[in-house]
Amino acid sequence: MKFISIYVFIAFALLQPLQAQAPKGKKPSPWSAGLFLMSDSQPYVGAGRSIRIYPSVSYEGEKLKWRGPLLQYKLIEKEKWNLSAHALVQFAPYEEDDAPILEGMGDRSDTLLAGLDWVYRPTPSLLVLASFDADVLGAYDGMQATFGFQQMLGKPWETLSGSLGAGLLLQDQAWTQYFVGVPESKATPERPAHTPGESFHPYLSAQLLVRISKKWSWFTLSRIEFLDETWRDSPLIADDYRLVTFTALNYSF
């Protein structure tokens, strides 16, 4: 089960990382590589938790950032805010054989999302965040927006640092229909038709960065989304929340 492209979640987390400039003379290498582990509670009926391990390579330049399936370019940078454009791969949310409830629904398709990210820093430790994503390959023509806040804890060049966050995830009808909708033609007695509208999901998040040495670092993030009635009313969905965790061990070179 792939479910809602975990990369959408990871991209959101990494588009607003533990942002701050290190002291002069301590600028890290722009390149790093390592392994990351992803865990997803997956609210589909009978789906079960998904745990995956992948290699990773990333580049952190002044304007260009590349993190696996995510590419981001900073368009505008001001004293207290910046605006960036990004593109990322979104893998298919499910295949028919992932769970019995999905049999006969038809496999979903991989696609490419593109969008914008805005970060405003009213104080040195508080970030106001907004992002927008749209399917640009026509798999389902959906759009998603996120608005939130992030309180920074510590400095990224220190041994321990992190953040706490909260916000709201908004998905248009095309997006929601693609992930949890059941058209009349696919309905069964056990899986009645469901035509959802837009959806709004509050979320909470926490991040921790541990600088093990000058070259090695460990990053972990957890985020819980509280699914709204549009999702919970779908016969495909069993839970009223989605919990995702992401942890990575990286080496800078």
Protein backbone atom coordinates (compact mmCIF):
# COMPACT_ATOMS: atom_id res chain seq x y z
CA MET A 1 0.00 0.00 0.00
CA LYS A 2 1.48 3.33 -1.02
CA PHE A 3 -1.34 5.62 0.18
CA ILE A 4 -1.52 9.32 -0.62
CA SER A 5 2.08 9.56 -1.57
CA ILE A 6 3.92 9.67 1.69
CA TYR A 7 6.14 12.07 -0.24
CA VAL A 8 3.49 14.76 0.00
CA PHE A 9 3.86 14.57 3.74
CA ILE A 10 7.66 14.36 3.61
CA ALA A 11 7.83 17.24 1.15
CA PHE A 12 5.73 19.40 3.46
CA ALA A 13 8.04 18.56 6.34
CA LEU A 14 11.21 19.21 4.36
CA LEU A 15 9.99 22.34 2.61
CA GLN A 16 9.97 24.02 6.02
CA PRO A 17 12.89 22.31 7.79
CA LEU A 18 14.78 23.50 10.82
CA GLN A 19 15.64 26.67 8.91
CA ALA A 20 18.43 28.93 10.11
CA GLN A 21 21.88 29.95 9.02
CA ALA A 22 24.83 28.41 10.81
CA PRO A 23 27.50 30.72 12.30
CA LYS A 24 30.14 32.00 9.91
CA GLY A 25 32.81 29.45 9.04
CA LYS A 26 30.55 26.50 9.81
CA LYS A 27 28.59 26.19 6.59
CA PRO A 28 27.92 22.47 5.98
CA SER A 29 28.45 20.61 2.71
CA PRO A 30 25.47 20.91 0.33
CA TRP A 31 25.55 17.14 -0.38
CA SER A 32 24.41 14.33 1.89
CA ALA A 33 23.31 10.71 1.56
CA GLY A 34 21.88 8.06 3.82
CA LEU A 35 18.85 5.92 4.60
CA PHE A 36 15.35 6.86 5.67
CA LEU A 37 12.50 4.84 7.15
CA MET A 38 8.82 5.70 6.69
CA SER A 39 5.87 4.40 8.68
CA ASP A 40 2.24 5.10 7.75
CA SER A 41 -0.85 4.01 9.72
CA GLN A 42 -2.93 3.96 6.47
CA PRO A 43 -6.62 4.43 7.32
CA TYR A 44 -7.96 2.21 4.51
CA VAL A 45 -10.07 -0.73 5.74
CA GLY A 46 -7.85 -3.80 6.16
CA ALA A 47 -4.73 -2.06 4.88
CA GLY A 48 -2.51 -2.32 7.98
CA ARG A 49 0.57 -0.21 8.79
CA SER A 50 3.18 0.32 6.06
CA ILE A 51 6.90 0.45 6.89
CA ARG A 52 9.46 1.14 4.15
CA ILE A 53 13.22 1.82 4.02
CA TYR A 54 14.85 3.74 1.15
CA PRO A 55 18.28 5.19 0.31
CA SER A 56 18.40 8.97 -0.04
CA VAL A 57 20.58 11.62 -1.68
CA SER A 58 20.06 15.35 -1.20
CA TYR A 59 21.54 18.67 -2.27
CA GLU A 60 21.06 21.92 -0.34
CA GLY A 61 22.17 24.93 -2.38
CA GLU A 62 21.52 28.63 -1.87
CA LYS A 63 18.46 28.55 -4.13
CA LEU A 64 18.14 24.99 -5.44
CA LYS A 65 17.27 22.05 -3.19
CA TRP A 66 16.96 18.41 -4.24
CA ARG A 67 15.69 15.78 -1.82
CA GLY A 68 14.89 12.49 -3.56
CA PRO A 69 11.53 12.96 -5.31
CA LEU A 70 11.39 16.65 -4.37
CA LEU A 71 12.95 19.55 -6.29
CA GLN A 72 12.60 23.08 -4.92
CA TYR A 73 13.86 26.46 -6.17
CA LYS A 74 13.73 29.69 -4.16
CA LEU A 75 12.13 32.45 -6.23
CA ILE A 76 12.13 35.34 -3.75
CA GLU A 77 13.98 35.79 -0.46
CA LYS A 78 13.32 38.74 1.85
CA GLU A 79 14.34 39.48 5.42
CA LYS A 80 11.28 37.85 6.99
CA TRP A 81 9.74 35.76 4.21
CA ASN A 82 10.54 33.71 1.13
CA LEU A 83 8.67 32.16 -1.78
CA SER A 84 9.71 28.96 -3.56
CA ALA A 85 8.45 26.74 -6.37
CA HIS A 86 8.62 22.97 -6.19
CA ALA A 87 7.88 19.76 -8.05
CA LEU A 88 7.58 16.29 -6.55
CA VAL A 89 6.61 12.78 -7.51
CA GLN A 90 3.33 11.52 -6.07
CA PHE A 91 3.01 7.76 -6.13
CA ALA A 92 -0.34 6.06 -6.63
CA PRO A 93 -2.37 5.98 -3.37
CA TYR A 94 -3.41 2.34 -3.79
CA GLU A 95 -3.72 -0.71 -6.01
CA GLU A 96 -6.67 -3.08 -6.09
CA ASP A 97 -4.87 -5.91 -4.30
CA ASP A 98 -3.75 -3.75 -1.35
CA ALA A 99 -6.92 -4.58 0.63
CA PRO A 100 -10.20 -6.48 0.00
CA ILE A 101 -12.24 -3.25 0.18
CA LEU A 102 -10.30 -1.91 -2.83
CA GLU A 103 -10.92 -4.87 -5.16
CA GLY A 104 -12.66 -3.67 -8.30
CA MET A 105 -11.82 0.01 -7.68
CA GLY A 106 -9.07 0.04 -10.32
CA ASP A 107 -5.40 0.86 -9.75
CA ARG A 108 -4.46 4.49 -9.24
CA SER A 109 -1.60 6.17 -11.19
CA ASP A 110 1.68 7.85 -10.26
CA THR A 111 1.79 11.54 -11.13
CA LEU A 112 3.76 14.76 -10.71
CA LEU A 113 2.75 17.57 -8.38
CA ALA A 114 3.92 21.16 -8.77
CA GLY A 115 3.32 24.08 -6.48
CA LEU A 116 4.47 27.02 -4.37
CA ASP A 117 5.72 27.37 -0.78
CA TRP A 118 5.60 30.55 1.31
CA VAL A 119 7.41 30.90 4.65
CA TYR A 120 7.05 33.95 6.92
CA ARG A 121 9.11 34.43 10.09
CA PRO A 122 7.43 37.00 12.42
CA THR A 123 9.95 36.16 15.16
CA PRO A 124 13.29 34.30 15.03
CA SER A 125 11.72 31.10 16.38
CA LEU A 126 8.22 31.16 14.82
CA LEU A 127 7.34 30.28 11.22
CA VAL A 128 4.04 30.82 9.40
CA LEU A 129 3.77 28.36 6.51
CA ALA A 130 1.61 27.99 3.41
CA SER A 131 1.96 25.63 0.46
CA PHE A 132 -0.01 24.66 -2.64
CA ASP A 133 0.15 21.51 -4.80
CA ALA A 134 -1.59 20.57 -8.05
CA ASP A 135 -1.53 17.43 -10.19
CA VAL A 136 0.08 18.53 -13.47
CA LEU A 137 -0.05 15.24 -15.44
CA GLY A 138 -3.82 14.83 -15.42
CA ALA A 139 -4.05 11.71 -13.27
CA TYR A 140 -6.94 13.30 -11.34
CA ASP A 141 -6.44 17.10 -11.64
CA GLY A 142 -6.66 17.62 -7.90
CA MET A 143 -5.29 20.43 -5.74
CA GLN A 144 -4.15 20.59 -2.13
CA ALA A 145 -3.18 23.49 0.15
CA THR A 146 -1.60 23.58 3.60
CA PHE A 147 -1.51 26.38 6.15
CA GLY A 148 0.25 26.09 9.48
CA PHE A 149 2.62 27.31 12.17
CA GLN A 150 5.95 25.94 13.34
CA GLN A 151 7.67 26.80 16.64
CA MET A 152 11.42 26.22 16.44
CA LEU A 153 13.23 24.72 19.43
CA GLY A 154 16.99 25.24 19.58
CA LYS A 155 19.30 26.01 16.65
CA PRO A 156 19.97 23.59 13.75
CA TRP A 157 23.74 23.72 14.23
CA GLU A 158 23.42 22.69 17.89
CA THR A 159 23.59 19.05 19.00
CA LEU A 160 19.83 18.91 19.59
CA SER A 161 17.15 21.00 17.90
CA GLY A 162 13.59 20.54 16.71
CA SER A 163 10.15 22.06 16.29
CA LEU A 164 6.46 21.69 17.09
CA GLY A 165 3.81 22.47 14.50
CA ALA A 166 0.07 22.62 13.82
CA GLY A 167 -2.06 23.51 10.86
CA LEU A 168 -4.80 22.66 8.39
CA LEU A 169 -4.68 20.56 5.22
CA LEU A 170 -7.25 21.44 2.52
CA GLN A 171 -8.05 19.17 -0.47
CA ASP A 172 -10.41 19.98 -3.31
CA GLN A 173 -13.16 17.64 -4.50
CA ALA A 174 -11.08 16.09 -7.29
CA TRP A 175 -8.30 15.22 -4.83
CA THR A 176 -10.68 13.77 -2.24
CA GLN A 177 -12.68 11.82 -4.82
CA TYR A 178 -9.50 10.22 -6.18
CA PHE A 179 -8.38 8.94 -2.77
CA VAL A 180 -11.62 8.01 -0.95
CA GLY A 181 -14.47 8.32 -3.46
CA VAL A 182 -16.53 5.37 -4.72
CA PRO A 183 -18.32 5.99 -8.04
CA GLU A 184 -21.72 4.39 -8.70
CA SER A 185 -20.11 2.06 -11.25
CA LYS A 186 -17.76 0.64 -8.58
CA ALA A 187 -20.31 0.38 -5.76
CA THR A 188 -21.16 -2.97 -4.15
CA PRO A 189 -23.41 -3.95 -1.19
CA GLU A 190 -20.31 -3.88 1.07
CA ARG A 191 -18.94 -0.72 -0.57
CA PRO A 192 -21.73 1.81 -1.22
CA ALA A 193 -21.21 4.78 -3.53
CA HIS A 194 -19.53 7.82 -1.98
CA THR A 195 -19.14 11.19 -3.71
CA PRO A 196 -17.15 13.42 -1.36
CA GLY A 197 -16.68 17.17 -1.55
CA GLU A 198 -13.72 19.20 -0.34
CA SER A 199 -11.93 18.01 2.79
CA PHE A 200 -10.23 19.80 5.70
CA HIS A 201 -7.87 17.96 8.05
CA PRO A 202 -6.21 19.55 11.12
CA TYR A 203 -2.75 18.21 11.92
CA LEU A 204 -0.06 18.26 14.62
CA SER A 205 3.64 17.65 13.98
CA ALA A 206 6.95 17.33 15.83
CA GLN A 207 10.54 17.25 14.52
CA LEU A 208 13.87 16.37 16.13
CA LEU A 209 17.36 16.84 14.65
CA VAL A 210 20.40 15.27 16.32
CA ARG A 211 23.87 16.27 15.10
CA ILE A 212 25.86 13.14 15.95
CA SER A 213 29.11 14.57 14.55
CA LYS A 214 30.27 17.07 11.91
CA LYS A 215 29.37 14.57 9.17
CA TRP A 216 26.55 12.48 10.65
CA SER A 217 23.05 13.59 11.62
CA TRP A 218 19.77 11.91 12.56
CA PHE A 219 16.37 13.45 11.80
CA THR A 220 12.94 12.21 12.83
CA LEU A 221 9.46 13.62 12.32
CA SER A 222 5.93 12.57 13.31
CA ARG A 223 2.68 14.00 12.04
CA ILE A 224 -0.91 13.08 12.88
CA GLU A 225 -3.79 14.19 10.64
CA PHE A 226 -7.34 14.16 12.02
CA LEU A 227 -9.52 13.11 9.09
CA ASP A 228 -12.76 15.03 8.55
CA GLU A 229 -16.21 13.57 7.89
CA THR A 230 -15.67 13.67 4.13
CA TRP A 231 -13.03 10.97 4.55
CA ARG A 232 -14.51 9.18 7.56
CA ASP A 233 -17.84 8.70 5.77
CA SER A 234 -16.13 6.83 2.92
CA PRO A 235 -16.61 3.03 3.00
CA LEU A 236 -12.91 2.76 2.13
CA ILE A 237 -11.77 4.38 5.39
CA ALA A 238 -11.60 2.66 8.79
CA ASP A 239 -9.81 5.22 11.01
CA ASP A 240 -10.47 8.83 11.93
CA TYR A 241 -6.79 9.77 11.86
CA ARG A 242 -3.59 9.11 9.95
CA LEU A 243 -0.22 8.89 11.72
CA VAL A 244 2.98 9.14 9.71
CA THR A 245 6.55 8.99 10.97
CA PHE A 246 9.76 9.62 9.07
CA THR A 247 13.29 9.06 10.32
CA ALA A 248 16.59 9.45 8.46
CA LEU A 249 20.31 8.92 9.09
CA ASN A 250 22.44 11.16 6.85
CA TYR A 251 26.14 11.60 6.06
CA SER A 252 27.41 14.90 4.61
CA PHE A 253 30.24 14.73 2.07
